[in-house]
Structures are given as C-alpha cells and as structure tokens.
C-alpha cells in the first residue's frame, strides 16, 4: 500500500435552484500549482477549493480529512465549514 499526497482542485457552478453543481476535479503536481490554478479559477466560478489529501490511489482509498490550500466563494460541506 503506497500512500501519497494528492493535490486536487474542485470547482462549483450553479446547479438547479440554489444548489451547487460540482465540476470534474483537477489534479495538480504540488500545492503551489493547486493554489495558483484555484486562484485563477475563483473569479469564474461560484466556488473553488484546492486541497491536499493522503491517498492510496491504487486502491482508491482517500483520507477523510483534506488539508485546505485555498478556498473561495460558495462551497458545500465539509469545505464550507472549514476555516
């Protein structure tokens, strides 16, 4: 079991009614790239979050507690609750 840190950007657009709709996640090679891309995307989306998570990608096993690198706008739980 090889655990590695994965850097992900998740963006949200308007869904039905007041709901947010998640766009496909974008993987990044490091925290700096994730922050840069998320900052550029933030003015274009209702919400954006960049985070790091420990994962065993072969098994698809991801840590339950992501580390937030950047967040902006409207986000669903658990990201909206994180500070």
Protein backbone atom coordinates (compact mmCIF):
# COMPACT_ATOMS: atom_id res chain seq x y z
CA UNK A 1 0.00 0.00 0.00
CA UNK A 2 1.74 3.17 -1.26
CA UNK A 3 0.31 6.30 0.29
CA UNK A 4 0.97 9.61 -1.46
CA UNK A 5 -0.27 13.17 -1.19
CA UNK A 6 -2.68 14.17 -3.94
CA UNK A 7 -3.44 17.82 -4.75
CA UNK A 8 -6.93 18.49 -6.09
CA UNK A 9 -8.97 21.48 -7.24
CA UNK A 10 -12.75 21.22 -7.00
CA UNK A 11 -14.87 23.96 -8.56
CA UNK A 12 -18.61 24.56 -8.36
CA UNK A 13 -21.11 26.21 -10.71
CA UNK A 14 -24.83 26.95 -10.44
CA UNK A 15 -26.97 23.83 -10.36
CA UNK A 16 -30.75 23.59 -10.14
CA UNK A 17 -32.31 26.20 -7.92
CA UNK A 18 -29.79 27.31 -5.32
CA UNK A 19 -27.82 24.06 -5.45
CA UNK A 20 -24.16 23.96 -6.40
CA UNK A 21 -23.02 21.56 -9.10
CA UNK A 22 -19.51 20.14 -8.85
CA UNK A 23 -17.34 20.25 -11.95
CA UNK A 24 -14.80 17.49 -12.60
CA UNK A 25 -11.86 17.55 -10.19
CA UNK A 26 -8.49 18.69 -11.47
CA UNK A 27 -5.32 17.05 -10.17
CA UNK A 28 -2.13 19.06 -9.63
CA UNK A 29 1.50 18.08 -9.08
CA UNK A 30 2.05 20.18 -5.94
CA UNK A 31 0.41 22.61 -3.51
CA UNK A 32 1.72 25.72 -5.28
CA UNK A 33 0.26 24.67 -8.63
CA UNK A 34 -3.07 23.87 -6.95
CA UNK A 35 -3.18 27.30 -5.27
CA UNK A 36 -2.26 29.15 -8.48
CA UNK A 37 -4.86 27.38 -10.60
CA UNK A 38 -7.57 27.76 -7.95
CA UNK A 39 -6.86 31.49 -7.60
CA UNK A 40 -7.19 31.94 -11.38
CA UNK A 41 -10.43 29.94 -11.45
CA UNK A 42 -12.05 31.69 -8.44
CA UNK A 43 -13.45 34.75 -10.30
CA UNK A 44 -15.01 32.46 -12.91
CA UNK A 45 -16.86 30.03 -10.61
CA UNK A 46 -19.34 30.26 -7.72
CA UNK A 47 -16.90 28.34 -5.53
CA UNK A 48 -13.43 26.84 -5.74
CA UNK A 49 -11.41 24.82 -3.26
CA UNK A 50 -7.89 23.45 -3.58
CA UNK A 51 -6.90 20.77 -1.11
CA UNK A 52 -4.35 18.09 -0.35
CA UNK A 53 -5.31 14.61 0.73
CA UNK A 54 -3.35 11.46 1.55
CA UNK A 55 -4.40 8.62 -0.69
CA UNK A 56 -3.62 5.13 -1.85
CA UNK A 57 -4.51 5.77 -5.48
CA UNK A 58 -4.19 2.10 -6.45
CA UNK A 59 -6.94 1.12 -4.01
CA UNK A 60 -8.90 4.38 -4.30
CA UNK A 61 -8.59 4.91 -0.53
CA UNK A 62 -8.59 8.62 0.38
CA UNK A 63 -8.08 10.27 3.78
CA UNK A 64 -11.26 11.68 5.31
CA UNK A 65 -9.61 14.95 6.43
CA UNK A 66 -8.32 17.05 3.50
CA UNK A 67 -5.91 19.93 4.11
CA UNK A 68 -7.33 23.11 2.59
CA UNK A 69 -4.82 25.05 0.48
CA UNK A 70 -7.20 27.68 -0.94
CA UNK A 71 -10.93 28.30 -0.93
CA UNK A 72 -13.20 30.98 -2.33
CA UNK A 73 -16.91 31.61 -2.82
CA UNK A 74 -19.84 29.33 -2.10
CA UNK A 75 -18.86 25.83 -1.05
CA UNK A 76 -20.80 22.81 0.21
CA UNK A 77 -19.97 20.98 3.44
CA UNK A 78 -17.40 19.96 4.53
CA UNK A 79 -15.49 22.75 2.76
CA UNK A 80 -17.92 25.48 3.83
CA UNK A 81 -17.40 24.51 7.48
CA UNK A 82 -13.59 24.50 7.32
CA UNK A 83 -11.70 27.59 8.44
